[in-house]
Amino acid sequence: MEDPDKFNIKSFKLLGGFVIEIRYQDGKVQTIDFGQIRHEGWWKELEDPEYFKKVKINEIENLEWPHGQDFKPEHLYYWEKYRQDYM
Protein backbone atom coordinates (compact mmCIF):
# COMPACT_ATOMS: atom_id res chain seq x y z
CA MET A 1 0.00 0.00 0.00
CA GLU A 2 1.21 3.48 -0.87
CA ASP A 3 2.06 6.04 1.78
CA PRO A 4 -0.96 8.41 1.78
CA ASP A 5 1.25 11.31 2.92
CA LYS A 6 2.96 11.36 -0.46
CA PHE A 7 -0.24 12.85 -1.92
CA ASN A 8 -0.03 15.83 0.46
CA ILE A 9 0.77 19.10 -1.22
CA LYS A 10 3.83 20.93 0.05
CA SER A 11 3.31 24.05 -2.06
CA PHE A 12 1.72 25.32 -5.26
CA LYS A 13 2.11 28.16 -7.70
CA LEU A 14 -0.50 29.76 -9.95
CA LEU A 15 1.11 29.97 -13.39
CA GLY A 16 -1.57 32.05 -15.07
CA GLY A 17 -5.04 31.34 -16.34
CA PHE A 18 -6.20 28.17 -14.65
CA VAL A 19 -2.82 26.43 -14.50
CA ILE A 20 -1.37 25.33 -11.17
CA GLU A 21 2.05 23.83 -10.52
CA ILE A 22 1.80 21.49 -7.51
CA ARG A 23 4.75 20.28 -5.40
CA TYR A 24 4.14 17.19 -3.28
CA GLN A 25 5.76 16.06 -0.03
CA ASP A 26 7.76 13.39 -1.89
CA GLY A 27 9.24 15.95 -4.32
CA LYS A 28 7.01 15.24 -7.33
CA VAL A 29 5.95 18.30 -9.35
CA GLN A 30 2.70 18.20 -11.32
CA THR A 31 1.37 20.96 -13.60
CA ILE A 32 -2.38 20.89 -14.23
CA ASP A 33 -4.55 23.11 -16.41
CA PHE A 34 -7.83 23.24 -14.49
CA GLY A 35 -9.33 25.28 -17.35
CA GLN A 36 -9.68 22.05 -19.33
CA ILE A 37 -11.87 20.45 -16.65
CA ARG A 38 -15.63 20.40 -17.15
CA HIS A 39 -17.25 22.64 -14.58
CA GLU A 40 -20.77 21.60 -13.69
CA GLY A 41 -22.91 22.46 -10.70
CA TRP A 42 -20.84 23.33 -7.66
CA TRP A 43 -17.64 23.32 -9.75
CA LYS A 44 -18.92 26.14 -12.02
CA GLU A 45 -17.38 28.75 -9.69
CA LEU A 46 -13.92 27.56 -10.72
CA GLU A 47 -14.48 29.20 -14.12
CA ASP A 48 -14.27 32.63 -12.47
CA PRO A 49 -10.59 33.68 -12.64
CA GLU A 50 -10.81 35.74 -9.42
CA TYR A 51 -12.45 32.88 -7.51
CA PHE A 52 -9.95 30.39 -8.93
CA LYS A 53 -7.06 32.45 -7.51
CA LYS A 54 -8.45 31.94 -3.98
CA VAL A 55 -7.15 28.37 -3.87
CA LYS A 56 -5.32 27.44 -0.65
CA ILE A 57 -3.74 24.40 0.95
CA ASN A 58 -6.22 23.14 3.55
CA GLU A 59 -5.59 21.54 6.95
CA ILE A 60 -5.02 18.10 5.40
CA GLU A 61 -2.63 19.53 2.79
CA ASN A 62 -4.89 19.39 -0.26
CA LEU A 63 -5.83 22.19 -2.65
CA GLU A 64 -9.19 23.68 -1.76
CA TRP A 65 -11.27 26.69 -2.80
CA PRO A 66 -13.34 28.86 -0.39
CA HIS A 67 -16.61 26.98 -0.89
CA GLY A 68 -14.97 23.59 -0.35
CA GLN A 69 -14.27 22.52 -3.92
CA ASP A 70 -11.32 20.17 -3.98
CA PHE A 71 -10.04 17.19 -5.92
CA LYS A 72 -9.02 13.78 -4.67
CA PRO A 73 -5.32 14.25 -3.96
CA GLU A 74 -4.35 10.94 -5.52
CA HIS A 75 -6.14 12.00 -8.72
CA LEU A 76 -4.04 15.15 -8.94
CA TYR A 77 -0.87 13.19 -8.11
CA TYR A 78 -1.60 10.66 -10.87
CA TRP A 79 -3.21 13.24 -13.20
CA GLU A 80 -2.20 11.43 -16.39
CA LYS A 81 -4.24 8.44 -15.24
CA TYR A 82 -7.32 10.33 -13.98
CA ARG A 83 -7.57 13.48 -16.12
CA GLN A 84 -10.11 11.95 -18.53
CA ASP A 85 -12.49 11.48 -15.57
CA TYR A 86 -12.69 15.27 -15.30
CA MET A 87 -12.99 16.16 -18.99
Foldseek 3Di string as FASTA:
>chain_A
DDDPQQLAWPDWDDPDQQWIWTAGPVGDIAIDRCVPFDQDDPRVVCNDVVQVVQWDQDPRRFTATPVGDGDDSVCRVVVVVNVVVGD
